[in-house]
Amino acid sequence: MPGLEHTITIAAPPERVWDVLVDVERWPERIPTVDSVERLDDGPLAVGSSARLRQPKLPEAVWTVTELTDGTSYTWESKSPGVLGVASHVVEPHPDGTRLTLALSVSGPLSGLGWLFTKGLTRRYVETEAASIKSVAETAD
């Protein structure tokens, strides 16, 4: 199953990193790889919550939370014809603050071909997203 994982250390407490991570409505102002986010439900992010994301050079996607451990991790999925994308976000205490791990895997009959064309872009996006979350979490907001 094609995919990638990126881990970064953030000089901020896990609670702060978690707050930035789950505030998906503010991603477009905080993360340059996200053009827009439209929550499709109300309230805090929870299992079953969905959001429509628009990102440069990628098709619009609806992501639905499938697992969530408050303050620690969430996983969401996006389905398109022939491809299932699964993205996980994990926040862990670290001696220097917090360790954030972002991971993405794709599966399905068209995933190999799609991954061939988007792997480099996706890697840059995930690295930029982690760096952006780090920057926001480490500064007053």
Foldseek 3Di string as FASTA:
>chain_A
DDKDKDKDDAQFALQLLLVLVQPVQCCCVQFVQWPGKAWPDDDTQDQQTWIWTDGPPDDIWIWGWHDDDPSFKTKIWTDDVFKIKIWMWGWDQDPSHIMIMIMIDMDGDCRVVVCVVCVVVVVVRVVRSVVSSSVPSRDDD
